[in-house]
């Protein structure tokens, strides 16, 4: 898989690479934060069509997340996040997403830095670039995808454009999953009040009760298969429910650093991750999980407590190493996945 990083110029124009003089491409576009089942369905379809047509499968991925860029600009007098910006709400880092894309068989990934200038370009202009520069002959999107200035390029508008121009086809993948769910507007982490997997607070509610709950929490309807829903579930300790949507176990990554060395005094040595964490950290708690260090897996009981610093909040993540042979292993300075 070939990875290309692109940054728009001050006017928002991107110097797209020429992938091939004669080989066409099947393209999909998005952020793909979390790489949940809906994302995977879209990408698998793009890869499948590309193989059938002997074309390149191409993923155009935006980073940072567009919503974060616009929210940051709104709060900072139109300024954009700098190079050192940390997005504490991102479910997965770019590197984590790239590994998934490679496992799915993607040929090319173009990582585009999302800027406000780039956001002003119309979907017609953007898709014209995809056709002219990348040789796009098929565009694969999910059912509620939208792109271009003011998100005017929804699947209906793009379908009309594809039919009118005849230069590319639009393939729509049903990535909605099992319906919709309501989540609060505020996804502030909330620790479970009891041990075990928390239950859905809206389970068993009547329509009237659900309306009252939505009003109280400013609830909004989102797809079950959505990054927003996964983020909400992790923030409330509902790990199993989040993993079901992701289609895999949620994980974070970081570098093992020195801790307070309290664990060894009670027979449970710990592996502490530093402040630079890739992936969304669930709400404070003690979880059963796996610690993967240099390819060797060992059981772990992850707990999270303050401090870890990212986006102004303070938290710490540590792992109690459970397997005896793992306890003796020196992993300080190693990268770890939990």
Protein backbone atom coordinates (compact mmCIF):
# COMPACT_ATOMS: atom_id res chain seq x y z
CA UNK A 1 0.00 0.00 0.00
CA UNK A 2 1.38 3.39 -1.00
CA UNK A 3 0.79 6.32 1.33
CA UNK A 4 0.93 9.94 0.15
CA UNK A 5 0.55 12.96 2.42
CA UNK A 6 -0.83 16.12 0.81
CA UNK A 7 -1.24 19.66 2.13
CA UNK A 8 -3.38 22.25 0.32
CA UNK A 9 -1.78 25.59 -0.51
CA UNK A 10 -3.04 28.87 0.90
CA UNK A 11 -5.87 28.94 -1.63
CA UNK A 12 -6.97 25.39 -0.79
CA UNK A 13 -5.62 23.73 -3.93
CA UNK A 14 -4.02 20.30 -3.69
CA UNK A 15 -1.31 18.98 -5.99
CA UNK A 16 -2.84 15.56 -6.57
CA UNK A 17 -0.41 12.90 -7.77
CA UNK A 18 -0.85 11.07 -11.06
CA UNK A 19 -1.25 7.45 -10.06
CA UNK A 20 -0.97 5.98 -13.55
CA UNK A 21 -1.09 7.12 -17.18
CA UNK A 22 -3.48 4.33 -18.17
CA UNK A 23 -4.78 2.54 -15.07
CA UNK A 24 -8.01 3.89 -13.61
CA UNK A 25 -9.06 4.02 -9.98
CA UNK A 26 -11.95 3.31 -7.64
CA UNK A 27 -12.05 5.99 -4.96
CA UNK A 28 -13.69 6.44 -1.57
CA UNK A 29 -13.45 9.55 0.57
CA UNK A 30 -13.79 10.23 4.28
CA UNK A 31 -12.23 10.49 7.73
CA UNK A 32 -12.88 6.87 8.74
CA UNK A 33 -12.34 7.59 12.42
CA UNK A 34 -12.66 4.35 14.35
CA UNK A 35 -12.86 2.19 11.23
CA UNK A 36 -16.21 0.80 12.33
CA UNK A 37 -18.28 -1.73 10.40
CA UNK A 38 -19.85 0.91 8.18
CA UNK A 39 -16.43 2.22 7.16
CA UNK A 40 -15.20 -1.29 6.52
CA UNK A 41 -18.20 -2.06 4.30
CA UNK A 42 -17.50 0.97 2.11
CA UNK A 43 -13.78 0.26 1.83
CA UNK A 44 -14.26 -3.44 1.12
CA UNK A 45 -16.64 -2.56 -1.71
CA UNK A 46 -14.11 -0.13 -3.18
CA UNK A 47 -11.40 -2.79 -3.07
CA UNK A 48 -13.75 -5.38 -4.56
CA UNK A 49 -14.71 -3.12 -7.50
CA UNK A 50 -11.10 -2.13 -8.10
CA UNK A 51 -9.97 -5.74 -8.31
CA UNK A 52 -12.82 -6.60 -10.68
CA UNK A 53 -11.91 -3.68 -12.97
CA UNK A 54 -8.13 -4.12 -12.60
CA UNK A 55 -8.03 -0.60 -11.22
CA UNK A 56 -6.38 1.00 -8.19
CA UNK A 57 -8.34 1.11 -4.94
CA UNK A 58 -7.81 4.59 -3.51
CA UNK A 59 -8.79 6.04 -0.15
CA UNK A 60 -8.73 9.82 0.27
CA UNK A 61 -8.58 10.42 4.02
CA UNK A 62 -8.87 13.79 5.75
CA UNK A 63 -6.83 14.74 8.80
CA UNK A 64 -7.59 16.46 11.14
CA UNK A 65 -11.27 15.65 11.34
CA UNK A 66 -13.24 18.38 9.48
CA UNK A 67 -15.64 18.92 12.37
CA UNK A 68 -12.73 19.53 14.73
CA UNK A 69 -11.12 22.07 12.38
CA UNK A 70 -14.34 24.06 12.03
CA UNK A 71 -15.06 23.93 15.77
CA UNK A 72 -11.52 25.04 16.60
CA UNK A 73 -11.74 27.92 14.12
CA UNK A 74 -15.07 29.03 15.58
CA UNK A 75 -13.53 29.16 19.06
CA UNK A 76 -10.25 30.81 17.99
CA UNK A 77 -11.24 33.70 15.73
CA UNK A 78 -10.91 31.73 12.52
CA UNK A 79 -7.52 30.19 13.32
CA UNK A 80 -6.81 26.57 12.42
CA UNK A 81 -5.26 23.90 14.66
CA UNK A 82 -1.46 23.89 14.52
CA UNK A 83 0.82 20.96 13.76
CA UNK A 84 1.01 19.97 17.43
CA UNK A 85 -2.75 19.92 17.90
CA UNK A 86 -4.05 16.91 19.84
CA UNK A 87 -7.59 15.73 19.12
CA UNK A 88 -8.69 13.98 22.32
CA UNK A 89 -12.00 12.93 20.75
CA UNK A 90 -10.46 11.00 17.83
CA UNK A 91 -11.21 7.29 18.15
CA UNK A 92 -8.13 6.27 16.19
CA UNK A 93 -4.90 7.86 15.04
CA UNK A 94 -3.98 8.09 11.37
CA UNK A 95 -1.45 5.29 11.85
CA UNK A 96 -4.10 3.01 13.33
CA UNK A 97 -6.40 3.70 10.39
CA UNK A 98 -3.61 3.06 7.91
CA UNK A 99 -2.97 -0.40 9.35
CA UNK A 100 -6.63 -1.28 8.91
CA UNK A 101 -6.65 0.03 5.34
CA UNK A 102 -3.62 -2.08 4.50
CA UNK A 103 -5.28 -5.17 5.98
CA UNK A 104 -8.33 -4.47 3.82
CA UNK A 105 -6.17 -4.51 0.68
CA UNK A 106 -6.20 -0.83 -0.32
CA UNK A 107 -3.64 0.16 -2.97
CA UNK A 108 -3.27 3.90 -2.33
CA UNK A 109 -4.06 6.16 0.61
CA UNK A 110 -3.92 9.93 0.12
CA UNK A 111 -3.90 11.74 3.46
CA UNK A 112 -5.10 15.29 2.91
CA UNK A 113 -4.59 17.91 5.59
CA UNK A 114 -8.03 19.42 6.06
CA UNK A 115 -7.92 23.23 6.05
CA UNK A 116 -10.51 25.97 5.94
CA UNK A 117 -9.32 27.02 2.49
CA UNK A 118 -9.70 23.47 1.23
CA UNK A 119 -13.21 23.37 2.72
CA UNK A 120 -14.34 26.22 0.45
CA UNK A 121 -13.95 24.11 -2.69
CA UNK A 122 -17.18 22.79 -4.18
CA UNK A 123 -17.85 19.10 -4.48
CA UNK A 124 -17.96 19.53 -8.27
CA UNK A 125 -14.44 20.94 -8.26
CA UNK A 126 -13.20 18.23 -5.89
CA UNK A 127 -14.67 15.39 -7.93
CA UNK A 128 -13.29 16.94 -11.10
CA UNK A 129 -9.85 16.68 -9.53
CA UNK A 130 -10.49 13.06 -8.62
CA UNK A 131 -11.39 12.25 -12.22
CA UNK A 132 -8.68 14.31 -13.87
CA UNK A 133 -5.78 13.62 -11.54
CA UNK A 134 -6.50 10.23 -9.98
CA UNK A 135 -8.27 8.66 -12.94
CA UNK A 136 -11.38 8.01 -10.86
CA UNK A 137 -13.99 6.02 -12.72
CA UNK A 138 -16.01 4.86 -9.72
CA UNK A 139 -16.72 6.69 -6.47
CA UNK A 140 -17.84 4.56 -3.52
CA UNK A 141 -19.68 6.27 -0.67
CA UNK A 142 -21.91 5.47 2.28
CA UNK A 143 -25.57 6.41 2.28
CA UNK A 144 -25.25 9.69 4.21
CA UNK A 145 -21.88 10.88 2.86
CA UNK A 146 -21.51 14.56 2.00
CA UNK A 147 -18.57 16.61 0.77
CA UNK A 148 -17.55 20.01 -0.56
CA UNK A 149 -18.35 23.52 0.62
CA UNK A 150 -21.23 23.49 3.10
CA UNK A 151 -21.45 19.71 2.58
CA UNK A 152 -23.56 20.40 -0.50
CA UNK A 153 -22.33 17.25 -2.23
CA UNK A 154 -24.59 14.59 -0.77
CA UNK A 155 -25.14 11.29 -2.53
CA UNK A 156 -28.18 12.62 -4.39
CA UNK A 157 -26.29 15.62 -5.78
CA UNK A 158 -23.26 13.50 -6.65
CA UNK A 159 -25.48 10.94 -8.35
CA UNK A 160 -26.98 13.66 -10.54
CA UNK A 161 -23.49 14.93 -11.39
CA UNK A 162 -22.26 11.41 -12.25
CA UNK A 163 -25.22 10.81 -14.54
CA UNK A 164 -24.94 14.23 -16.22
CA UNK A 165 -21.21 14.05 -16.94
CA UNK A 166 -20.85 10.33 -17.62
CA UNK A 167 -17.18 10.41 -16.57
CA UNK A 168 -17.58 8.42 -13.36
CA UNK A 169 -20.07 6.13 -11.64
CA UNK A 170 -21.38 6.41 -8.10
CA UNK A 171 -21.64 3.27 -5.98
CA UNK A 172 -23.62 3.68 -2.77
CA UNK A 173 -23.00 1.19 0.04
CA UNK A 174 -25.57 0.65 2.77
CA UNK A 175 -23.38 1.37 5.77
CA UNK A 176 -26.13 2.34 8.19
CA UNK A 177 -26.14 -0.80 10.28
CA UNK A 178 -29.09 -1.67 12.54
CA UNK A 179 -30.91 1.64 12.49
CA UNK A 180 -30.49 4.73 14.62
CA UNK A 181 -30.02 5.64 18.26
CA UNK A 182 -30.21 8.83 20.32
CA UNK A 183 -27.11 10.11 22.10
CA UNK A 184 -26.67 13.20 24.30
CA UNK A 185 -25.14 16.30 22.74
CA UNK A 186 -22.59 16.33 25.58
CA UNK A 187 -20.41 13.21 25.61
CA UNK A 188 -18.56 14.09 28.80
CA UNK A 189 -17.21 10.82 30.25
CA UNK A 190 -19.33 9.39 33.05
CA UNK A 191 -18.08 6.58 35.25
CA UNK A 192 -20.43 3.59 35.68
CA UNK A 193 -22.06 3.48 39.09
CA UNK A 194 -21.85 -0.31 39.34
CA UNK A 195 -19.39 -3.02 38.28
CA UNK A 196 -19.79 -4.62 34.86
CA UNK A 197 -20.93 -3.40 31.47
CA UNK A 198 -23.41 -0.51 31.89
CA UNK A 199 -26.80 -0.90 30.26
CA UNK A 200 -28.36 1.39 27.67
CA UNK A 201 -30.16 4.09 29.73
CA UNK A 202 -32.92 4.28 27.10
CA UNK A 203 -33.56 0.54 27.01
CA UNK A 204 -37.22 -0.26 27.65
CA UNK A 205 -38.35 3.36 27.52
CA UNK A 206 -41.70 4.29 26.07
CA UNK A 207 -41.83 6.89 23.30
CA UNK A 208 -42.89 9.52 25.81
CA UNK A 209 -40.03 8.62 28.16
CA UNK A 210 -37.54 8.67 25.29
CA UNK A 211 -38.74 12.13 24.23
CA UNK A 212 -38.33 13.35 27.82
CA UNK A 213 -34.84 11.82 28.04
CA UNK A 214 -33.84 13.39 24.70
CA UNK A 215 -35.06 16.79 25.82
CA UNK A 216 -33.20 16.58 29.11
CA UNK A 217 -29.93 15.50 27.48
CA UNK A 218 -30.35 17.40 24.20
CA UNK A 219 -30.31 14.02 22.51
CA UNK A 220 -29.79 13.75 18.78
CA UNK A 221 -30.37 10.87 16.43
CA UNK A 222 -27.29 9.19 14.95
CA UNK A 223 -26.66 5.91 13.21
CA UNK A 224 -25.88 2.96 15.43
CA UNK A 225 -22.84 2.39 13.21
CA UNK A 226 -21.24 5.80 13.68
CA UNK A 227 -18.11 7.24 15.23
CA UNK A 228 -20.30 9.54 17.33
CA UNK A 229 -22.10 6.59 18.89
CA UNK A 230 -18.87 4.69 19.54
CA UNK A 231 -17.41 7.76 21.23
CA UNK A 232 -20.49 8.07 23.44
CA UNK A 233 -20.38 4.39 24.41
CA UNK A 234 -16.68 4.49 25.34
CA UNK A 235 -17.25 7.65 27.37
CA UNK A 236 -19.76 5.72 29.47
CA UNK A 237 -17.79 2.50 29.85
CA UNK A 238 -19.91 0.46 27.43
CA UNK A 239 -16.91 -1.25 25.86
CA UNK A 240 -18.66 -4.37 24.59
CA UNK A 241 -21.31 -2.31 22.80
CA UNK A 242 -18.61 -0.15 21.22
CA UNK A 243 -16.59 -3.18 20.11
CA UNK A 244 -19.69 -4.66 18.46
CA UNK A 245 -19.99 -1.56 16.27
CA UNK A 246 -16.29 -1.40 15.54
CA UNK A 247 -16.14 -5.06 14.58
CA UNK A 248 -12.95 -5.36 16.63
CA UNK A 249 -11.69 -4.52 20.10
CA UNK A 250 -11.14 -0.82 20.67
CA UNK A 251 -7.48 -0.08 21.39
CA UNK A 252 -5.16 2.75 22.23
CA UNK A 253 -1.40 3.00 21.78
CA UNK A 254 1.43 4.82 23.47
CA UNK A 255 4.96 4.57 24.84
CA UNK A 256 5.64 2.83 28.15
CA UNK A 257 7.08 5.27 30.68
CA UNK A 258 8.07 5.33 34.35
CA UNK A 259 5.16 5.35 36.77
CA UNK A 260 4.89 5.68 40.53
CA UNK A 261 5.90 2.02 41.00
CA UNK A 262 3.05 1.34 43.41
CA UNK A 263 1.95 -1.84 41.65
CA UNK A 264 5.11 -3.78 42.39
CA UNK A 265 4.62 -3.19 46.13
CA UNK A 266 1.38 -5.20 46.02
CA UNK A 267 2.50 -7.85 43.53
CA UNK A 268 1.04 -6.30 40.37
CA UNK A 269 3.74 -4.56 38.32
CA UNK A 270 2.28 -2.02 35.91
CA UNK A 271 3.07 -0.64 32.48
CA UNK A 272 2.26 3.07 32.31
CA UNK A 273 1.66 4.84 29.02
CA UNK A 274 3.00 8.34 28.47
CA UNK A 275 1.04 11.49 27.67
CA UNK A 276 1.02 11.03 23.89
CA UNK A 277 -1.78 8.52 23.38
CA UNK A 278 -3.15 7.38 20.02
CA UNK A 279 -6.86 6.61 20.25
CA UNK A 280 -9.79 7.58 22.43
CA UNK A 281 -9.37 6.70 26.09
CA UNK A 282 -12.55 5.33 27.69
CA UNK A 283 -13.98 6.70 30.93
CA UNK A 284 -12.00 6.16 34.15
CA UNK A 285 -12.22 2.61 35.40
CA UNK A 286 -10.61 -0.82 35.60
CA UNK A 287 -11.01 -2.98 32.52
CA UNK A 288 -10.00 -6.47 31.41
CA UNK A 289 -7.92 -6.29 28.26
CA UNK A 290 -4.73 -7.19 26.42
CA UNK A 291 -1.34 -5.52 26.40
CA UNK A 292 0.60 -6.06 23.18
CA UNK A 293 4.29 -5.26 23.43
CA UNK A 294 6.71 -5.95 20.54
CA UNK A 295 4.48 -8.70 19.21
CA UNK A 296 4.13 -10.58 22.53
CA UNK A 297 0.63 -10.51 24.06
CA UNK A 298 -0.05 -10.75 27.76
CA UNK A 299 -3.21 -10.42 29.83
CA UNK A 300 -3.72 -7.03 31.42
CA UNK A 301 -6.18 -5.22 33.64
CA UNK A 302 -6.13 -1.66 32.31
CA UNK A 303 -7.06 1.18 34.60
CA UNK A 304 -7.16 4.84 33.85
CA UNK A 305 -6.62 7.64 36.32
CA UNK A 306 -5.29 11.19 36.31
CA UNK A 307 -3.05 12.62 34.91
CA UNK A 308 -3.03 12.20 31.09
CA UNK A 309 -2.61 15.45 29.18
CA UNK A 310 -4.27 16.09 25.84
CA UNK A 311 -6.58 18.94 24.92
CA UNK A 312 -6.37 20.38 28.43
CA UNK A 313 -7.49 17.32 30.41
CA UNK A 314 -5.28 15.28 32.69
CA UNK A 315 -5.33 11.50 32.78
CA UNK A 316 -3.03 8.51 33.15
CA UNK A 317 -3.29 5.05 31.72
CA UNK A 318 -1.65 2.08 33.34
CA UNK A 319 -1.74 -1.68 32.86
CA UNK A 320 -1.47 -4.25 35.61
CA UNK A 321 0.56 -7.05 34.07
CA UNK A 322 -1.14 -10.35 34.91
CA UNK A 323 1.04 -13.08 33.45
CA UNK A 324 4.00 -13.97 35.58
CA UNK A 325 6.40 -14.26 32.64
CA UNK A 326 5.29 -10.83 31.47
CA UNK A 327 5.93 -9.25 34.86
CA UNK A 328 9.64 -9.80 34.52
CA UNK A 329 9.79 -8.30 31.06
CA UNK A 330 11.37 -4.89 30.78
CA UNK A 331 9.20 -2.85 28.44
CA UNK A 332 10.14 0.71 29.40
CA UNK A 333 10.38 2.81 26.26
CA UNK A 334 8.53 0.25 24.13
CA UNK A 335 5.43 1.06 22.15
CA UNK A 336 2.40 -0.72 23.55
CA UNK A 337 -1.11 -1.37 22.30
CA UNK A 338 -3.90 -1.91 24.81
